[in-house]
PDB file of N, CA and C in Angstrom:
ATOM      1  N   MET A   1     -34.992 -19.295 -16.899  1.00  0.00           N
ATOM      2  CA  MET A   1     -36.122 -20.123 -17.245  1.00  0.00           C
ATOM      3  C   MET A   1     -36.370 -21.078 -16.100  1.00  0.00           C
ATOM      4  N   THR A   2     -37.622 -21.296 -15.794  1.00  0.00           N
ATOM      5  CA  THR A   2     -37.957 -22.168 -14.681  1.00  0.00           C
ATOM      6  C   THR A   2     -38.297 -23.558 -15.187  1.00  0.00           C
ATOM      7  N   THR A   3     -38.088 -24.513 -14.331  1.00  0.00           N
ATOM      8  CA  THR A   3     -38.468 -25.876 -14.675  1.00  0.00           C
ATOM      9  C   THR A   3     -39.848 -26.141 -14.131  1.00  0.00           C
ATOM     10  N   SER A   4     -40.605 -26.940 -14.801  1.00  0.00           N
ATOM     11  CA  SER A   4     -41.953 -27.213 -14.337  1.00  0.00           C
ATOM     12  C   SER A   4     -41.933 -28.430 -13.427  1.00  0.00           C
ATOM     13  N   THR A   5     -42.545 -28.270 -12.285  1.00  0.00           N
ATOM     14  CA  THR A   5     -42.648 -29.362 -11.323  1.00  0.00           C
ATOM     15  C   THR A   5     -44.103 -29.604 -11.037  1.00  0.00           C
ATOM     16  N   PRO A   6     -44.462 -30.823 -10.717  1.00  0.00           N
ATOM     17  CA  PRO A   6     -45.865 -31.094 -10.394  1.00  0.00           C
ATOM     18  C   PRO A   6     -46.286 -30.291  -9.177  1.00  0.00           C
ATOM     19  N   ASP A   7     -47.457 -29.744  -9.229  1.00  0.00           N
ATOM     20  CA  ASP A   7     -47.971 -28.930  -8.132  1.00  0.00           C
ATOM     21  C   ASP A   7     -49.264 -29.559  -7.651  1.00  0.00           C
ATOM     22  N   SER A   8     -49.414 -29.659  -6.348  1.00  0.00           N
ATOM     23  CA  SER A   8     -50.598 -30.311  -5.803  1.00  0.00           C
ATOM     24  C   SER A   8     -51.822 -29.413  -5.857  1.00  0.00           C
ATOM     25  N   ARG A   9     -51.610 -28.103  -6.063  1.00  0.00           N
ATOM     26  CA  ARG A   9     -52.750 -27.203  -6.130  1.00  0.00           C
ATOM     27  C   ARG A   9     -53.340 -27.220  -7.538  1.00  0.00           C
ATOM     28  N   PRO A  10     -54.639 -27.456  -7.676  1.00  0.00           N
ATOM     29  CA  PRO A  10     -55.243 -27.544  -9.010  1.00  0.00           C
ATOM     30  C   PRO A  10     -55.343 -26.196  -9.719  1.00  0.00           C
ATOM     31  N   ASP A  11     -55.269 -25.065  -8.988  1.00  0.00           N
ATOM     32  CA  ASP A  11     -55.427 -23.774  -9.633  1.00  0.00           C
ATOM     33  C   ASP A  11     -54.134 -23.274 -10.267  1.00  0.00           C
ATOM     34  N   ARG A  12     -52.997 -23.935 -10.034  1.00  0.00           N
ATOM     35  CA  ARG A  12     -51.717 -23.531 -10.611  1.00  0.00           C
ATOM     36  C   ARG A  12     -51.460 -24.325 -11.876  1.00  0.00           C
ATOM     37  N   ARG A  13     -51.156 -23.606 -12.978  1.00  0.00           N
ATOM     38  CA  ARG A  13     -50.851 -24.277 -14.236  1.00  0.00           C
ATOM     39  C   ARG A  13     -49.495 -23.836 -14.721  1.00  0.00           C
ATOM     40  N   SER A  14     -48.813 -24.715 -15.394  1.00  0.00           N
ATOM     41  CA  SER A  14     -47.558 -24.369 -16.043  1.00  0.00           C
ATOM     42  C   SER A  14     -47.877 -23.506 -17.249  1.00  0.00           C
ATOM     43  N   VAL A  15     -46.913 -22.742 -17.721  1.00  0.00           N
ATOM     44  CA  VAL A  15     -47.115 -21.892 -18.891  1.00  0.00           C
ATOM     45  C   VAL A  15     -47.516 -22.734 -20.099  1.00  0.00           C
ATOM     46  N   HIS A  16     -46.983 -23.940 -20.196  1.00  0.00           N
ATOM     47  CA  HIS A  16     -47.246 -24.789 -21.345  1.00  0.00           C
ATOM     48  C   HIS A  16     -48.358 -25.808 -21.096  1.00  0.00           C
ATOM     49  N   ALA A  17     -49.002 -25.726 -19.965  1.00  0.00           N
ATOM     50  CA  ALA A  17     -50.077 -26.678 -19.666  1.00  0.00           C
ATOM     51  C   ALA A  17     -51.318 -26.332 -20.482  1.00  0.00           C
ATOM     52  N   PRO A  18     -52.018 -27.321 -20.983  1.00  0.00           N
ATOM     53  CA  PRO A  18     -53.229 -27.029 -21.754  1.00  0.00           C
ATOM     54  C   PRO A  18     -54.321 -26.475 -20.848  1.00  0.00           C
ATOM     55  N   LEU A  19     -55.155 -25.615 -21.420  1.00  0.00           N
ATOM     56  CA  LEU A  19     -56.310 -25.118 -20.687  1.00  0.00           C
ATOM     57  C   LEU A  19     -57.377 -26.201 -20.683  1.00  0.00           C
ATOM     58  N   ARG A  20     -58.451 -25.968 -19.964  1.00  0.00           N
ATOM     59  CA  ARG A  20     -59.507 -26.979 -19.895  1.00  0.00           C
ATOM     60  C   ARG A  20     -60.135 -27.199 -21.267  1.00  0.00           C
ATOM     61  N   ARG A  21     -60.491 -28.432 -21.515  1.00  0.00           N
ATOM     62  CA  ARG A  21     -61.127 -28.781 -22.782  1.00  0.00           C
ATOM     63  C   ARG A  21     -62.548 -28.217 -22.790  1.00  0.00           C
ATOM     64  N   PRO A  22     -62.966 -27.600 -23.877  1.00  0.00           N
ATOM     65  CA  PRO A  22     -64.334 -27.077 -23.964  1.00  0.00           C
ATOM     66  C   PRO A  22     -65.364 -28.188 -23.788  1.00  0.00           C
ATOM     67  N   ALA A  23     -66.524 -27.809 -23.305  1.00  0.00           N
ATOM     68  CA  ALA A  23     -67.570 -28.781 -22.972  1.00  0.00           C
ATOM     69  C   ALA A  23     -68.072 -29.555 -24.190  1.00  0.00           C
ATOM     70  N   ARG A  24     -68.064 -28.966 -25.360  1.00  0.00           N
ATOM     71  CA  ARG A  24     -68.652 -29.638 -26.526  1.00  0.00           C
ATOM     72  C   ARG A  24     -67.611 -30.133 -27.510  1.00  0.00           C
ATOM     73  N   GLY A  25     -66.560 -30.745 -27.068  1.00  0.00           N
ATOM     74  CA  GLY A  25     -65.615 -31.430 -27.935  1.00  0.00           C
ATOM     75  C   GLY A  25     -64.744 -30.539 -28.786  1.00  0.00           C
ATOM     76  N   GLY A  26     -64.448 -29.345 -28.365  1.00  0.00           N
ATOM     77  CA  GLY A  26     -63.568 -28.467 -29.123  1.00  0.00           C
ATOM     78  C   GLY A  26     -62.106 -28.866 -28.942  1.00  0.00           C
ATOM     79  N   ALA A  27     -61.240 -28.219 -29.657  1.00  0.00           N
ATOM     80  CA  ALA A  27     -59.811 -28.512 -29.576  1.00  0.00           C
ATOM     81  C   ALA A  27     -59.222 -27.939 -28.291  1.00  0.00           C
ATOM     82  N   VAL A  28     -58.155 -28.533 -27.843  1.00  0.00           N
ATOM     83  CA  VAL A  28     -57.462 -28.052 -26.654  1.00  0.00           C
ATOM     84  C   VAL A  28     -56.640 -26.828 -27.034  1.00  0.00           C
ATOM     85  N   ARG A  29     -56.809 -25.753 -26.314  1.00  0.00           N
ATOM     86  CA  ARG A  29     -56.027 -24.545 -26.550  1.00  0.00           C
ATOM     87  C   ARG A  29     -54.865 -24.513 -25.585  1.00  0.00           C
ATOM     88  N   ARG A  30     -53.733 -24.070 -26.073  1.00  0.00           N
ATOM     89  CA  ARG A  30     -52.574 -23.883 -25.207  1.00  0.00           C
ATOM     90  C   ARG A  30     -52.373 -22.386 -24.986  1.00  0.00           C
ATOM     91  N   ARG A  31     -51.915 -22.059 -23.817  1.00  0.00           N
ATOM     92  CA  ARG A  31     -51.656 -20.669 -23.495  1.00  0.00           C
ATOM     93  C   ARG A  31     -50.378 -20.227 -24.208  1.00  0.00           C
ATOM     94  N   PRO A  32     -50.433 -19.195 -25.042  1.00  0.00           N
ATOM     95  CA  PRO A  32     -49.226 -18.755 -25.740  1.00  0.00           C
ATOM     96  C   PRO A  32     -48.168 -18.253 -24.758  1.00  0.00           C
ATOM     97  N   ALA A  33     -46.910 -18.507 -25.083  1.00  0.00           N
ATOM     98  CA  ALA A  33     -45.813 -18.086 -24.214  1.00  0.00           C
ATOM     99  C   ALA A  33     -45.712 -16.567 -24.145  1.00  0.00           C
ATOM    100  N   LEU A  34     -46.233 -15.857 -25.142  1.00  0.00           N
ATOM    101  CA  LEU A  34     -46.150 -14.404 -25.146  1.00  0.00           C
ATOM    102  C   LEU A  34     -47.095 -13.761 -24.135  1.00  0.00           C
ATOM    103  N   ASP A  35     -48.067 -14.521 -23.614  1.00  0.00           N
ATOM    104  CA  ASP A  35     -48.970 -13.978 -22.609  1.00  0.00           C
ATOM    105  C   ASP A  35     -48.298 -13.853 -21.250  1.00  0.00           C
ATOM    106  N   ASP A  36     -47.152 -14.482 -21.086  1.00  0.00           N
ATOM    107  CA  ASP A  36     -46.453 -14.451 -19.813  1.00  0.00           C
ATOM    108  C   ASP A  36     -45.697 -13.131 -19.701  1.00  0.00           C
ATOM    109  N   ASP A  37     -46.157 -12.232 -18.819  1.00  0.00           N
ATOM    110  CA  ASP A  37     -45.534 -10.914 -18.718  1.00  0.00           C
ATOM    111  C   ASP A  37     -44.752 -10.740 -17.425  1.00  0.00           C
ATOM    112  N   ARG A  38     -44.317 -11.828 -16.832  1.00  0.00           N
ATOM    113  CA  ARG A  38     -43.493 -11.722 -15.628  1.00  0.00           C
ATOM    114  C   ARG A  38     -42.177 -11.046 -15.990  1.00  0.00           C
ATOM    115  N   GLY A  39     -41.757 -10.080 -15.181  1.00  0.00           N
ATOM    116  CA  GLY A  39     -40.505  -9.382 -15.411  1.00  0.00           C
ATOM    117  C   GLY A  39     -40.621  -8.180 -16.331  1.00  0.00           C
ATOM    118  N   SER A  40     -41.814  -7.918 -16.844  1.00  0.00           N
ATOM    119  CA  SER A  40     -41.945  -6.790 -17.774  1.00  0.00           C
ATOM    120  C   SER A  40     -41.752  -5.458 -17.059  1.00  0.00           C
ATOM    121  N   ALA A  41     -42.186  -5.349 -15.819  1.00  0.00           N
ATOM    122  CA  ALA A  41     -41.993  -4.097 -15.088  1.00  0.00           C
ATOM    123  C   ALA A  41     -40.507  -3.828 -14.881  1.00  0.00           C
ATOM    124  N   THR A  42     -39.748  -4.865 -14.588  1.00  0.00           N
ATOM    125  CA  THR A  42     -38.309  -4.713 -14.403  1.00  0.00           C
ATOM    126  C   THR A  42     -37.659  -4.237 -15.695  1.00  0.00           C
ATOM    127  N   ALA A  43     -38.068  -4.791 -16.811  1.00  0.00           N
ATOM    128  CA  ALA A  43     -37.511  -4.375 -18.106  1.00  0.00           C
ATOM    129  C   ALA A  43     -37.875  -2.926 -18.402  1.00  0.00           C
ATOM    130  N   GLU A  44     -39.091  -2.529 -18.058  1.00  0.00           N
ATOM    131  CA  GLU A  44     -39.501  -1.148 -18.296  1.00  0.00           C
ATOM    132  C   GLU A  44     -38.684  -0.189 -17.439  1.00  0.00           C
ATOM    133  N   TYR A  45     -38.456  -0.542 -16.191  1.00  0.00           N
ATOM    134  CA  TYR A  45     -37.616   0.297 -15.329  1.00  0.00           C
ATOM    135  C   TYR A  45     -36.202   0.402 -15.889  1.00  0.00           C
ATOM    136  N   ALA A  46     -35.672  -0.687 -16.402  1.00  0.00           N
ATOM    137  CA  ALA A  46     -34.318  -0.671 -16.967  1.00  0.00           C
ATOM    138  C   ALA A  46     -34.241   0.266 -18.168  1.00  0.00           C
ATOM    139  N   VAL A  47     -35.253   0.250 -19.015  1.00  0.00           N
ATOM    140  CA  VAL A  47     -35.270   1.143 -20.185  1.00  0.00           C
ATOM    141  C   VAL A  47     -35.352   2.602 -19.743  1.00  0.00           C
ATOM    142  N   VAL A  48     -36.169   2.885 -18.736  1.00  0.00           N
ATOM    143  CA  VAL A  48     -36.301   4.258 -18.243  1.00  0.00           C
ATOM    144  C   VAL A  48     -34.989   4.729 -17.625  1.00  0.00           C
ATOM    145  N   ILE A  49     -34.314   3.858 -16.878  1.00  0.00           N
ATOM    146  CA  ILE A  49     -33.040   4.232 -16.272  1.00  0.00           C
ATOM    147  C   ILE A  49     -31.991   4.501 -17.346  1.00  0.00           C
ATOM    148  N   LEU A  50     -31.951   3.666 -18.375  1.00  0.00           N
ATOM    149  CA  LEU A  50     -31.007   3.896 -19.471  1.00  0.00           C
ATOM    150  C   LEU A  50     -31.281   5.222 -20.177  1.00  0.00           C
ATOM    151  N   ALA A  51     -32.539   5.551 -20.374  1.00  0.00           N
ATOM    152  CA  ALA A  51     -32.891   6.819 -21.005  1.00  0.00           C
ATOM    153  C   ALA A  51     -32.481   7.996 -20.120  1.00  0.00           C
ATOM    154  N   ALA A  52     -32.674   7.866 -18.807  1.00  0.00           N
ATOM    155  CA  ALA A  52     -32.297   8.936 -17.888  1.00  0.00           C
ATOM    156  C   ALA A  52     -30.782   9.137 -17.877  1.00  0.00           C
ATOM    157  N   VAL A  53     -30.029   8.051 -17.920  1.00  0.00           N
ATOM    158  CA  VAL A  53     -28.571   8.158 -17.945  1.00  0.00           C
ATOM    159  C   VAL A  53     -28.104   8.807 -19.248  1.00  0.00           C
ATOM    160  N   ALA A  54     -28.717   8.448 -20.356  1.00  0.00           N
ATOM    161  CA  ALA A  54     -28.359   9.061 -21.640  1.00  0.00           C
ATOM    162  C   ALA A  54     -28.676  10.552 -21.627  1.00  0.00           C
ATOM    163  N   PHE A  55     -29.820  10.925 -21.080  1.00  0.00           N
ATOM    164  CA  PHE A  55     -30.187  12.341 -20.995  1.00  0.00           C
ATOM    165  C   PHE A  55     -29.221  13.098 -20.092  1.00  0.00           C
ATOM    166  N   ALA A  56     -28.817  12.484 -18.983  1.00  0.00           N
ATOM    167  CA  ALA A  56     -27.856  13.123 -18.080  1.00  0.00           C
ATOM    168  C   ALA A  56     -26.516  13.325 -18.783  1.00  0.00           C
ATOM    169  N   GLY A  57     -26.107  12.355 -19.592  1.00  0.00           N
ATOM    170  CA  GLY A  57     -24.858  12.502 -20.343  1.00  0.00           C
ATOM    171  C   GLY A  57     -24.913  13.652 -21.315  1.00  0.00           C
ATOM    172  N   VAL A  58     -26.020  13.795 -22.016  1.00  0.00           N
ATOM    173  CA  VAL A  58     -26.184  14.916 -22.956  1.00  0.00           C
ATOM    174  C   VAL A  58     -26.188  16.237 -22.194  1.00  0.00           C
ATOM    175  N   LEU A  59     -26.862  16.260 -21.051  1.00  0.00           N
ATOM    176  CA  LEU A  59     -26.930  17.485 -20.256  1.00  0.00           C
ATOM    177  C   LEU A  59     -25.551  17.890 -19.752  1.00  0.00           C
ATOM    178  N   VAL A  60     -24.756  16.933 -19.311  1.00  0.00           N
ATOM    179  CA  VAL A  60     -23.394  17.237 -18.854  1.00  0.00           C
ATOM    180  C   VAL A  60     -22.559  17.781 -20.009  1.00  0.00           C
ATOM    181  N   ALA A  61     -22.695  17.183 -21.177  1.00  0.00           N
ATOM    182  CA  ALA A  61     -21.931  17.664 -22.339  1.00  0.00           C
ATOM    183  C   ALA A  61     -22.316  19.095 -22.703  1.00  0.00           C
ATOM    184  N   VAL A  62     -23.591  19.414 -22.626  1.00  0.00           N
ATOM    185  CA  VAL A  62     -24.054  20.768 -22.937  1.00  0.00           C
ATOM    186  C   VAL A  62     -23.563  21.754 -21.878  1.00  0.00           C
ATOM    187  N   MET A  63     -23.629  21.358 -20.617  1.00  0.00           N
ATOM    188  CA  MET A  63     -23.237  22.256 -19.525  1.00  0.00           C
ATOM    189  C   MET A  63     -21.730  22.536 -19.533  1.00  0.00           C
ATOM    190  N   ARG A  64     -20.937  21.648 -20.093  1.00  0.00           N
ATOM    191  CA  ARG A  64     -19.487  21.846 -20.129  1.00  0.00           C
ATOM    192  C   ARG A  64     -19.043  22.750 -21.280  1.00  0.00           C
ATOM    193  N   SER A  65     -19.935  23.054 -22.181  1.00  0.00           N
ATOM    194  CA  SER A  65     -19.536  23.912 -23.305  1.00  0.00           C
ATOM    195  C   SER A  65     -19.293  25.335 -22.799  1.00  0.00           C
ATOM    196  N   GLY A  66     -18.339  26.017 -23.420  1.00  0.00           N
ATOM    197  CA  GLY A  66     -17.957  27.355 -22.979  1.00  0.00           C
ATOM    198  C   GLY A  66     -19.065  28.368 -23.083  1.00  0.00           C
ATOM    199  N   GLU A  67     -19.865  28.274 -24.123  1.00  0.00           N
ATOM    200  CA  GLU A  67     -20.944  29.238 -24.325  1.00  0.00           C
ATOM    201  C   GLU A  67     -21.993  29.149 -23.223  1.00  0.00           C
ATOM    202  N   VAL A  68     -22.368  27.939 -22.874  1.00  0.00           N
ATOM    203  CA  VAL A  68     -23.379  27.745 -21.824  1.00  0.00           C
ATOM    204  C   VAL A  68     -22.816  28.185 -20.476  1.00  0.00           C
ATOM    205  N   GLN A  69     -21.554  27.889 -20.208  1.00  0.00           N
ATOM    206  CA  GLN A  69     -20.945  28.324 -18.958  1.00  0.00           C
ATOM    207  C   GLN A  69     -20.926  29.842 -18.855  1.00  0.00           C
ATOM    208  N   ALA A  70     -20.642  30.537 -19.964  1.00  0.00           N
ATOM    209  CA  ALA A  70     -20.639  32.000 -19.960  1.00  0.00           C
ATOM    210  C   ALA A  70     -22.033  32.550 -19.680  1.00  0.00           C
ATOM    211  N   ILE A  71     -23.046  31.952 -20.287  1.00  0.00           N
ATOM    212  CA  ILE A  71     -24.428  32.397 -20.057  1.00  0.00           C
ATOM    213  C   ILE A  71     -24.813  32.202 -18.601  1.00  0.00           C
ATOM    214  N   LEU A  72     -24.484  31.037 -18.039  1.00  0.00           N
ATOM    215  CA  LEU A  72     -24.827  30.764 -16.646  1.00  0.00           C
ATOM    216  C   LEU A  72     -24.059  31.678 -15.693  1.00  0.00           C
ATOM    217  N   THR A  73     -22.796  31.948 -15.990  1.00  0.00           N
ATOM    218  CA  THR A  73     -21.999  32.845 -15.153  1.00  0.00           C
ATOM    219  C   THR A  73     -22.591  34.250 -15.159  1.00  0.00           C
ATOM    220  N   ASP A  74     -22.965  34.723 -16.328  1.00  0.00           N
ATOM    221  CA  ASP A  74     -23.596  36.046 -16.425  1.00  0.00           C
ATOM    222  C   ASP A  74     -24.925  36.080 -15.673  1.00  0.00           C
ATOM    223  N   LEU A  75     -25.670  35.008 -15.758  1.00  0.00           N
ATOM    224  CA  LEU A  75     -26.961  34.920 -15.068  1.00  0.00           C
ATOM    225  C   LEU A  75     -26.764  34.977 -13.550  1.00  0.00           C
ATOM    226  N   VAL A  76     -25.798  34.230 -13.041  1.00  0.00           N
ATOM    227  CA  VAL A  76     -25.546  34.209 -11.600  1.00  0.00           C
ATOM    228  C   VAL A  76     -25.016  35.565 -11.138  1.00  0.00           C
ATOM    229  N   ARG A  77     -24.120  36.174 -11.893  1.00  0.00           N
ATOM    230  CA  ARG A  77     -23.596  37.504 -11.534  1.00  0.00           C
ATOM    231  C   ARG A  77     -24.717  38.552 -11.519  1.00  0.00           C
ATOM    232  N   GLY A  78     -25.590  38.467 -12.500  1.00  0.00           N
ATOM    233  CA  GLY A  78     -26.726  39.393 -12.536  1.00  0.00           C
ATOM    234  C   GLY A  78     -27.671  39.202 -11.349  1.00  0.00           C
ATOM    235  N   ALA A  79     -27.876  37.952 -10.948  1.00  0.00           N
ATOM    236  CA  ALA A  79     -28.770  37.685  -9.824  1.00  0.00           C
ATOM    237  C   ALA A  79     -28.140  38.136  -8.506  1.00  0.00           C
ATOM    238  N   LEU A  80     -26.821  38.005  -8.374  1.00  0.00           N
ATOM    239  CA  LEU A  80     -26.153  38.386  -7.137  1.00  0.00           C
ATOM    240  C   LEU A  80     -25.940  39.884  -7.018  1.00  0.00           C
ATOM    241  N   SER A  81     -25.996  40.612  -8.132  1.00  0.00           N
ATOM    242  CA  SER A  81     -25.765  42.052  -8.089  1.00  0.00           C
ATOM    243  C   SER A  81     -27.009  42.858  -7.700  1.00  0.00           C
ATOM    244  N   LEU A  82     -28.121  42.224  -7.554  1.00  0.00           N
ATOM    245  CA  LEU A  82     -29.368  42.922  -7.184  1.00  0.00           C
ATOM    246  C   LEU A  82     -29.254  43.389  -5.804  1.00  0.00           C
TER     247      LEU A  82
END
């Protein structure tokens, strides 16, 4: 979490800073914290990597089974005998 410090640039606002007051006396709106999507790409990459690792684990488990090894061995022998 970052700390808010005063910024001399007027175009930079803190996440919790109020937006500009409407011209005709409306209420001040605050920017919801859920609109802040910084770091979302990193989280998405992490989820994809975890899914890929889980899929690789399942694939290794399947490839180590005796039945699959026999099928692959027969396939390779058949391809080499041509």
